[in-house]
């Protein structure tokens, strides 16, 4: 499920059913819940499972008159008005902390204190394959939550967010042109390794801004591209840093796949600059393979526009370099319906 779909799901059932969001680090789970609370004007209480002890959730208070105890939760958690209770890194919590979360998740209470009606309870965690401190969640607790796998299915949402969040223009432009593969990286990172995620591109943006005028010295030169590549390599994986440097070098030559798709620039001549055309086609192949839905009936909005632009570009390429077009059409990661579109268009033009 993508970010927009998850927000709709939380609105629809979050007040009556606890939702567990799964996803690798850096895909925006925490930011999504924080923004959800802001959009609805609700207070958000954050419980960071990996950093908590059971007594952080409630402590016993002795009543001297009755010689009994009551559990007393933090005042910041038990509020008069409904809000969002967000348990992050649930599967990073110690077993006794997970047990303390049972009544919060299952009954929306701590001791005798119940959350106000309308309170949203949401949990999040990283799969154990992506986080060495994560541990399995007990089956009884798993069985009391609705589980959702958060996935980024297009760059549109991230780019819209990035435009308003002040992400550096060069990083915004790079992701817009190279697509989902660059945003998410080639593989999740292991411990002690830098992984490329939406969060790491945000950090890369801060790094570029942090270097100030030095980062923009000799802009438009190969030296500038190499400098920015080194700067962002502290935030994203080496592969994506190198791709960013190569893209910036092409950009300094005035060559952009996005501009070519829009018709603002012409496709370079393969006979005079075959390596450059091959690189542009590789970018196009990556975007087609990662951004197109498996079923044509699921095509929507900007993806439909992208398909129309790519189809026209493929028609052009088939006329000047048919062998390069054929290599792209043989990629099994690209949905078959796209090939049908290309062939239909080419047949129509030929007739």
Protein backbone atom coordinates (compact mmCIF):
# COMPACT_ATOMS: atom_id res chain seq x y z
CA UNK A 1 0.00 0.00 0.00
CA UNK A 2 1.29 3.48 -0.83
CA UNK A 3 1.28 6.53 1.44
CA UNK A 4 -2.04 7.97 0.20
CA UNK A 5 -3.79 4.63 0.50
CA UNK A 6 -2.49 4.17 4.04
CA UNK A 7 -3.79 7.58 5.12
CA UNK A 8 -7.24 6.65 3.80
CA UNK A 9 -7.08 3.34 5.65
CA UNK A 10 -6.19 5.02 8.94
CA UNK A 11 -9.10 7.45 8.54
CA UNK A 12 -11.43 4.54 7.81
CA UNK A 13 -10.50 2.14 10.61
CA UNK A 14 -7.78 3.63 12.79
CA UNK A 15 -10.18 4.66 15.57
CA UNK A 16 -11.50 1.12 16.07
CA UNK A 17 -8.62 -1.11 14.94
CA UNK A 18 -4.90 -0.86 15.67
CA UNK A 19 -2.86 -0.80 12.44
CA UNK A 20 0.69 -2.13 12.18
CA UNK A 21 2.79 -0.54 9.42
CA UNK A 22 5.73 -2.56 8.10
CA UNK A 23 8.48 -1.16 5.92
CA UNK A 24 12.26 -0.85 5.67
CA UNK A 25 13.99 2.08 7.39
CA UNK A 26 13.71 5.44 5.68
CA UNK A 27 10.52 4.98 3.60
CA UNK A 28 8.58 7.57 5.61
CA UNK A 29 6.52 5.59 8.13
CA UNK A 30 7.06 8.03 11.00
CA UNK A 31 6.72 11.13 8.83
CA UNK A 32 3.44 9.83 7.43
CA UNK A 33 1.89 9.43 10.88
CA UNK A 34 3.22 12.80 12.07
CA UNK A 35 1.76 14.52 9.01
CA UNK A 36 -1.51 12.60 9.42
CA UNK A 37 -1.89 13.99 12.95
CA UNK A 38 -1.09 17.52 11.76
CA UNK A 39 -3.59 17.30 8.90
CA UNK A 40 -6.37 16.23 11.28
CA UNK A 41 -5.38 18.73 13.98
CA UNK A 42 -4.80 15.92 16.50
CA UNK A 43 -2.10 15.66 19.16
CA UNK A 44 0.35 12.82 18.56
CA UNK A 45 1.86 10.84 21.43
CA UNK A 46 5.04 9.05 20.33
CA UNK A 47 6.07 5.85 22.10
CA UNK A 48 9.47 4.67 20.84
CA UNK A 49 9.46 0.96 21.64
CA UNK A 50 13.19 0.40 21.26
CA UNK A 51 13.96 3.12 23.83
CA UNK A 52 11.35 2.31 26.48
CA UNK A 53 11.07 0.43 29.74
CA UNK A 54 7.71 -0.83 31.07
CA UNK A 55 7.66 1.90 33.74
CA UNK A 56 7.78 4.55 31.01
CA UNK A 57 4.25 3.50 30.08
CA UNK A 58 2.81 3.45 33.60
CA UNK A 59 3.94 3.42 37.23
CA UNK A 60 1.99 2.08 40.22
CA UNK A 61 0.53 4.58 42.70
CA UNK A 62 -0.25 3.35 46.23
CA UNK A 63 -3.55 4.49 47.71
CA UNK A 64 -2.80 4.74 51.48
CA UNK A 65 -6.49 4.54 52.36
CA UNK A 66 -7.23 1.26 50.61
CA UNK A 67 -3.70 -0.17 50.44
CA UNK A 68 -4.20 -0.84 46.73
CA UNK A 69 -2.29 0.32 43.70
CA UNK A 70 -3.36 1.91 40.46
CA UNK A 71 -1.37 2.25 37.24
CA UNK A 72 -0.69 5.87 36.38
CA UNK A 73 0.25 6.67 32.77
CA UNK A 74 2.05 9.87 31.71
CA UNK A 75 -0.14 12.97 31.50
CA UNK A 76 1.18 13.62 27.99
CA UNK A 77 -0.27 10.29 26.86
CA UNK A 78 -3.68 10.29 28.57
CA UNK A 79 -5.37 13.44 27.30
CA UNK A 80 -8.97 14.60 27.44
CA UNK A 81 -9.38 14.85 23.68
CA UNK A 82 -8.82 12.04 21.14
CA UNK A 83 -5.42 12.00 19.48
CA UNK A 84 -2.95 9.74 17.69
CA UNK A 85 -1.01 7.20 19.75
CA UNK A 86 1.97 6.12 17.64
CA UNK A 87 4.06 3.17 18.82
CA UNK A 88 7.16 3.30 16.63
CA UNK A 89 9.78 0.55 16.43
CA UNK A 90 7.36 -1.85 18.13
CA UNK A 91 9.43 -4.90 17.23
CA UNK A 92 12.55 -3.20 18.56
CA UNK A 93 11.07 -3.22 22.08
CA UNK A 94 12.19 -5.63 24.80
CA UNK A 95 9.76 -8.51 25.46
CA UNK A 96 8.52 -7.00 28.74
CA UNK A 97 7.83 -3.70 26.98
CA UNK A 98 5.87 -5.52 24.26
CA UNK A 99 3.77 -7.13 26.98
CA UNK A 100 3.11 -3.68 28.46
CA UNK A 101 1.81 -2.56 25.05
CA UNK A 102 -0.85 -5.32 24.94
CA UNK A 103 -3.69 -3.32 26.57
CA UNK A 104 -2.79 -0.20 24.56
CA UNK A 105 -3.00 -2.09 21.27
CA UNK A 106 -5.85 -4.44 22.11
CA UNK A 107 -8.11 -2.44 24.46
CA UNK A 108 -6.88 1.15 24.04
CA UNK A 109 -6.20 1.58 27.73
CA UNK A 110 -3.45 1.73 30.34
CA UNK A 111 -4.59 0.23 33.63
CA UNK A 112 -8.02 1.72 34.34
CA UNK A 113 -7.42 4.69 32.06
CA UNK A 114 -9.07 4.38 28.64
CA UNK A 115 -8.18 6.56 25.67
CA UNK A 116 -11.00 8.90 24.58
CA UNK A 117 -13.29 7.58 21.80
CA UNK A 118 -11.90 8.54 18.41
CA UNK A 119 -8.28 7.94 19.43
CA UNK A 120 -6.15 6.45 16.64
CA UNK A 121 -3.61 3.78 17.62
CA UNK A 122 -0.93 2.99 15.04
CA UNK A 123 2.25 0.91 15.29
CA UNK A 124 5.27 0.68 13.00
CA UNK A 125 8.29 -1.55 12.66
CA UNK A 126 11.12 -2.63 10.39
CA UNK A 127 11.31 -6.19 9.07
CA UNK A 128 13.93 -8.25 10.90
CA UNK A 129 15.82 -8.61 7.61
CA UNK A 130 16.44 -4.84 7.60
CA UNK A 131 17.13 -4.23 11.28
CA UNK A 132 19.36 -6.33 13.51
CA UNK A 133 17.77 -5.00 16.72
CA UNK A 134 14.28 -6.06 15.64
CA UNK A 135 12.76 -9.20 17.10
CA UNK A 136 9.66 -11.27 16.31
CA UNK A 137 6.39 -9.94 17.71
CA UNK A 138 4.52 -12.51 19.85
CA UNK A 139 1.73 -14.26 17.95
CA UNK A 140 -1.07 -13.07 20.31
CA UNK A 141 -0.03 -9.45 19.71
CA UNK A 142 0.37 -9.96 15.95
CA UNK A 143 -3.15 -11.40 15.86
CA UNK A 144 -4.64 -8.23 17.35
CA UNK A 145 -3.43 -5.82 14.67
CA UNK A 146 -4.21 -5.13 11.02
CA UNK A 147 -0.95 -5.36 9.07
CA UNK A 148 0.05 -3.16 6.15
CA UNK A 149 3.22 -3.22 4.05
CA UNK A 150 4.11 0.38 3.17
CA UNK A 151 5.60 0.73 -0.30
CA UNK A 152 6.54 3.66 -2.48
CA UNK A 153 5.00 2.97 -5.88
CA UNK A 154 5.90 6.23 -7.62
CA UNK A 155 8.06 9.31 -7.09
CA UNK A 156 5.08 11.68 -7.38
CA UNK A 157 4.25 11.83 -3.67
CA UNK A 158 7.87 12.24 -2.61
CA UNK A 159 8.50 14.95 -5.20
CA UNK A 160 5.40 16.88 -4.08
CA UNK A 161 6.59 16.64 -0.49
CA UNK A 162 10.17 17.55 -1.42
CA UNK A 163 9.05 20.69 -3.25
CA UNK A 164 7.38 21.97 -0.08
CA UNK A 165 10.08 20.74 2.29
CA UNK A 166 12.90 22.69 0.64
CA UNK A 167 14.82 19.69 -0.69
CA UNK A 168 17.75 20.95 -2.76
CA UNK A 169 16.65 21.64 -6.37
CA UNK A 170 19.39 19.46 -7.87
CA UNK A 171 18.32 16.45 -5.81
CA UNK A 172 14.65 17.09 -6.64
CA UNK A 173 15.50 17.29 -10.34
CA UNK A 174 17.65 14.14 -10.21
CA UNK A 175 14.89 12.03 -8.63
CA UNK A 176 12.29 13.47 -11.02
CA UNK A 177 14.38 12.41 -14.01
CA UNK A 178 15.84 9.10 -12.88
CA UNK A 179 12.76 7.80 -11.06
CA UNK A 180 11.91 5.31 -8.36
CA UNK A 181 15.07 3.22 -8.61
CA UNK A 182 17.25 6.15 -7.58
CA UNK A 183 14.89 7.20 -4.80
CA UNK A 184 14.85 3.75 -3.17
CA UNK A 185 18.28 2.47 -4.14
CA UNK A 186 19.23 -0.94 -5.42
CA UNK A 187 19.06 -2.84 -2.12
CA UNK A 188 18.37 -2.31 1.60
CA UNK A 189 21.42 -1.52 3.67
CA UNK A 190 22.92 -3.84 6.23
CA UNK A 191 24.20 -2.68 9.61
CA UNK A 192 27.18 -0.29 9.31
CA UNK A 193 26.34 0.33 5.64
CA UNK A 194 24.79 3.39 4.05
CA UNK A 195 21.52 2.62 2.28
CA UNK A 196 19.69 4.80 -0.22
CA UNK A 197 16.20 5.70 1.00
CA UNK A 198 13.89 8.71 0.76
CA UNK A 199 15.19 9.75 4.19
CA UNK A 200 18.82 9.55 3.03
CA UNK A 201 18.09 11.88 0.09
CA UNK A 202 16.69 14.35 2.62
CA UNK A 203 19.96 14.09 4.55
CA UNK A 204 21.91 14.51 1.30
CA UNK A 205 19.98 17.72 0.65
CA UNK A 206 20.98 19.05 4.07
CA UNK A 207 24.60 18.17 3.31
CA UNK A 208 24.61 20.10 0.03
CA UNK A 209 23.05 23.11 1.75
CA UNK A 210 25.47 22.68 4.66
CA UNK A 211 28.50 23.03 2.40
CA UNK A 212 27.14 26.41 1.37
CA UNK A 213 28.76 28.28 -1.50
CA UNK A 214 31.60 25.75 -1.67
CA UNK A 215 29.13 23.14 -2.95
CA UNK A 216 28.19 25.32 -5.91
CA UNK A 217 31.71 26.44 -6.84
CA UNK A 218 32.53 25.87 -10.54
CA UNK A 219 28.90 24.92 -11.21
CA UNK A 220 28.40 23.31 -14.59
CA UNK A 221 31.87 21.71 -14.67
CA UNK A 222 33.03 18.13 -14.20
CA UNK A 223 34.80 19.20 -11.01
CA UNK A 224 31.49 20.46 -9.61
CA UNK A 225 29.81 17.14 -10.40
CA UNK A 226 32.58 15.20 -8.67
CA UNK A 227 32.41 17.46 -5.59
CA UNK A 228 28.66 17.02 -5.16
CA UNK A 229 29.04 13.28 -5.70
CA UNK A 230 31.49 13.16 -2.80
CA UNK A 231 29.24 15.31 -0.62
CA UNK A 232 26.14 13.15 -1.02
CA UNK A 233 28.12 9.90 -0.71
CA UNK A 234 27.97 10.48 3.04
CA UNK A 235 24.18 10.05 2.92
CA UNK A 236 23.35 7.65 0.06
CA UNK A 237 24.93 4.43 -1.17
CA UNK A 238 27.97 4.64 -3.46
CA UNK A 239 26.04 3.42 -6.51
CA UNK A 240 23.42 6.19 -6.29
CA UNK A 241 26.10 8.79 -5.50
CA UNK A 242 27.96 7.82 -8.68
CA UNK A 243 24.75 7.95 -10.70
CA UNK A 244 24.05 11.42 -9.31
CA UNK A 245 27.52 12.56 -10.38
CA UNK A 246 27.07 11.14 -13.89
CA UNK A 247 23.64 12.77 -14.17
CA UNK A 248 25.04 16.13 -13.07
CA UNK A 249 27.77 15.88 -15.72
CA UNK A 250 25.14 15.28 -18.42
CA UNK A 251 23.05 18.11 -17.05
CA UNK A 252 25.97 20.50 -17.44
CA UNK A 253 25.96 19.56 -21.15
CA UNK A 254 22.29 20.53 -21.39
CA UNK A 255 21.04 16.95 -21.81
CA UNK A 256 17.98 15.82 -19.85
CA UNK A 257 15.79 12.75 -20.28
CA UNK A 258 12.85 14.64 -18.80
CA UNK A 259 13.25 17.43 -21.35
CA UNK A 260 13.56 14.88 -24.17
CA UNK A 261 10.38 13.12 -23.05
CA UNK A 262 8.53 16.44 -22.97
CA UNK A 263 9.77 17.35 -26.42
CA UNK A 264 11.77 20.33 -25.18
CA UNK A 265 15.03 18.72 -26.37
CA UNK A 266 15.87 16.32 -29.17
CA UNK A 267 17.28 12.86 -28.64
CA UNK A 268 21.03 12.99 -29.41
CA UNK A 269 22.16 11.30 -32.60
CA UNK A 270 23.21 7.68 -31.80
CA UNK A 271 25.69 7.78 -34.68
CA UNK A 272 27.71 10.60 -33.08
CA UNK A 273 27.11 10.01 -29.34
CA UNK A 274 26.05 6.42 -28.94
CA UNK A 275 27.26 6.08 -25.35
CA UNK A 276 25.14 9.03 -24.23
CA UNK A 277 22.04 7.70 -25.97
CA UNK A 278 22.63 4.28 -24.43
CA UNK A 279 22.78 5.89 -20.98
CA UNK A 280 19.54 7.80 -21.58
CA UNK A 281 17.84 4.59 -22.71
CA UNK A 282 19.10 2.85 -19.57
CA UNK A 283 17.45 5.58 -17.49
CA UNK A 284 14.24 5.17 -19.46
CA UNK A 285 14.37 1.38 -19.02
CA UNK A 286 14.78 1.76 -15.24
CA UNK A 287 11.80 4.11 -15.00
CA UNK A 288 9.58 1.92 -17.16
CA UNK A 289 10.48 -1.15 -15.13
CA UNK A 290 9.89 0.44 -11.72
CA UNK A 291 7.06 2.93 -12.27
CA UNK A 292 4.58 1.22 -14.59
CA UNK A 293 1.79 -0.90 -13.08
CA UNK A 294 1.62 -4.56 -14.08
CA UNK A 295 -1.89 -4.03 -15.46
CA UNK A 296 -2.63 -1.29 -17.98
CA UNK A 297 -6.04 -0.73 -16.35
CA UNK A 298 -4.21 0.56 -13.24
CA UNK A 299 -2.54 3.38 -15.20
CA UNK A 300 -3.34 6.76 -13.67
CA UNK A 301 -2.46 10.45 -13.92
CA UNK A 302 1.20 11.29 -14.40
CA UNK A 303 2.05 7.66 -15.17
CA UNK A 304 -0.29 7.81 -18.17
CA UNK A 305 1.45 10.96 -19.42
CA UNK A 306 4.85 9.29 -18.92
CA UNK A 307 3.71 6.26 -20.95
CA UNK A 308 2.55 8.47 -23.83
CA UNK A 309 5.88 10.33 -23.83
CA UNK A 310 7.91 7.11 -23.64
CA UNK A 311 5.89 5.53 -26.44
CA UNK A 312 6.61 8.46 -28.72
CA UNK A 313 10.31 8.38 -27.80
CA UNK A 314 10.44 4.66 -28.59
CA UNK A 315 8.91 5.39 -31.99
CA UNK A 316 11.66 7.94 -32.65
CA UNK A 317 14.39 5.59 -31.44
CA UNK A 318 13.12 2.74 -33.62
CA UNK A 319 13.57 4.95 -36.66
CA UNK A 320 17.17 6.00 -35.96
CA UNK A 321 18.58 3.12 -33.87
CA UNK A 322 16.28 0.07 -34.09
CA UNK A 323 18.76 -2.22 -32.35
CA UNK A 324 18.77 0.03 -29.26
CA UNK A 325 14.98 0.12 -29.22
CA UNK A 326 14.89 -3.66 -29.51
CA UNK A 327 17.19 -4.05 -26.50
CA UNK A 328 14.80 -2.00 -24.38
CA UNK A 329 11.74 -3.90 -25.62
CA UNK A 330 13.31 -7.18 -24.54
CA UNK A 331 13.48 -6.18 -20.87
CA UNK A 332 11.21 -8.52 -18.91
CA UNK A 333 10.79 -6.04 -16.05
CA UNK A 334 8.74 -3.76 -18.33
CA UNK A 335 5.04 -4.75 -18.53
CA UNK A 336 4.03 -6.46 -21.77
CA UNK A 337 1.18 -4.04 -22.35
CA UNK A 338 3.71 -1.22 -22.87
CA UNK A 339 5.32 -3.17 -25.72
CA UNK A 340 1.87 -3.67 -27.24
CA UNK A 341 1.33 0.09 -27.13
CA UNK A 342 4.64 0.75 -28.85
CA UNK A 343 3.96 -1.81 -31.58
CA UNK A 344 0.43 -0.49 -32.12
CA UNK A 345 1.70 3.06 -32.51
CA UNK A 346 4.47 2.05 -34.87
CA UNK A 347 2.02 0.06 -37.01
CA UNK A 348 -0.36 3.01 -37.13
CA UNK A 349 2.44 5.34 -38.26
CA UNK A 350 3.63 2.84 -40.88
CA UNK A 351 0.13 2.61 -42.34
